[in-house]
Amino acid sequence: MHSRRYEVRIAGRLSARARDAFVGMDVEPAPPETVIAGTVDDDDDLHRLFALIQSLGLHIVAVEQVAPEPRPLPRRPGGGATSAPVRRPAD
């Protein structure tokens, strides 16, 4: 199974302790909610995330599977980002 990215909307703001519980995930306030976003590898990971949310006494408002974050382009030895070569149509 491929990794999937999810956004989980939680009612209210999270305390520092609650934010710190979501290691490796993005936690952003979006008043009146908080958005927890991250990649899960399988359904078990998703259920562990839900269990953590429940154990903290948080209320889920919405869950959405979203497009994965774009991967950054590799860096060239000189510093600039590389990109795919531009192909020009044949004359």
Foldseek 3Di string as FASTA:
>chain_A
DAKWKKKWKWAADDDPVLVVVLPQWDWADDPRIIITMDIDGDVVRVVVVVVSCVVVVIDTPDMDTDDDDDDFADADPVGHGDDDDDDDDDD
